Amino acid sequence: MCDELTAADNERFLSDAMTRRGFGAAAAVAGIGLLLPNPANALAIKGRDVEIPTPDGTADAYFVAPATGRHPAVLVWPDVFGLRPAFRQMADRLAQSGYAVLTINHFYRSTEVPFVTPGQGFDQALREKVGPWRELLTPDAVSRDGGAFVAWIDKQREVDRKRGIGSTGYCMGGPMVMLTAAGSPARVRAGATFHGGGMAADDMLARVPLMKASFLIAIAANDDAKAPGDKDKLRAAFAAARLPAEIEVYQGAMHGWCPPDSKVYDQAQADRAWARLLALFDKALA
């Protein structure tokens, strides 16, 4: 989870990068101004802003899919910084690879998006702002949301309902993927989390037997250093449920390394995680 300790850890990492390699290298590490490459044979896509009714209100979101045909769907749970240009870019890239992608504002009960300024870190002002919003995202609330989003996805003409749904989550979105997979096991057949927090908590592990999804769990090196036993708990839970799960610590990658606007964006490790995500979806959503 992106908390005070993780934020301080990442700032030290950036400071060290600046000292070792100068501003240019540190800027590259920070993901400043980076654009994700289009995939090979990228499909033409169409995206639109949407509003989705839920039991608790109306969620704003971004939906994008290939311009023609029906495709397997993916539900994306962003990190603590919410739905913003970087996550729209990531959704577009996934759609270009042949998926109908819904990226939601998980803080819709409290605010519309975007609510962060470009380059803003997890500073004191943001922690104070999102703290009350996060308290509303109880497991029951997220489960209700996940069910509503899956139902909305299945009504879209761009979605192939004969194929399973995938879900991805970043940072605080990690447990949200698990809750969605457990709440809609007939539809969610693949889950992928990147630097997810709180996933090895007892109440999350108890949901694993309810799932029917294959998983990719990509762990930041500094998250693993703080809680080295989490990966073993997750492996044991998925093994006991007889669910395929690729669980790996990405060495050298810091918490938040995947979004291209992250201060600790690691292009090489992000590309490797993205390739593993596509491999998971290609197999599990076939």
Foldseek 3Di string as FASTA:
>chain_A
DDDPVQLVVVVVVLVVQCVPPNDVRLCQQALPPDADDADPQFAAKDKDWDWFDFPLGIWIKIKMAHPDAAAAEEEEEEALQFDDPLVVRVNSNVRRVGYTYIYTGLLRNPDHDRPDDQPDDCDPVSCVVCVVSVVVPDLVNLLRVLVRVVVVQVPDPRHDQVWAYEYEYAACGQLSRLSSQLSCQVHYAEYEYAQYPPCQDPVNLVSLLSGNHAYEYEHEPVVCVVPVCSLVSVVVSCVVSVHHYHHDYDPPQGRPQARSSGSRPDPVSNVVSVVVVVVRCVPRGD
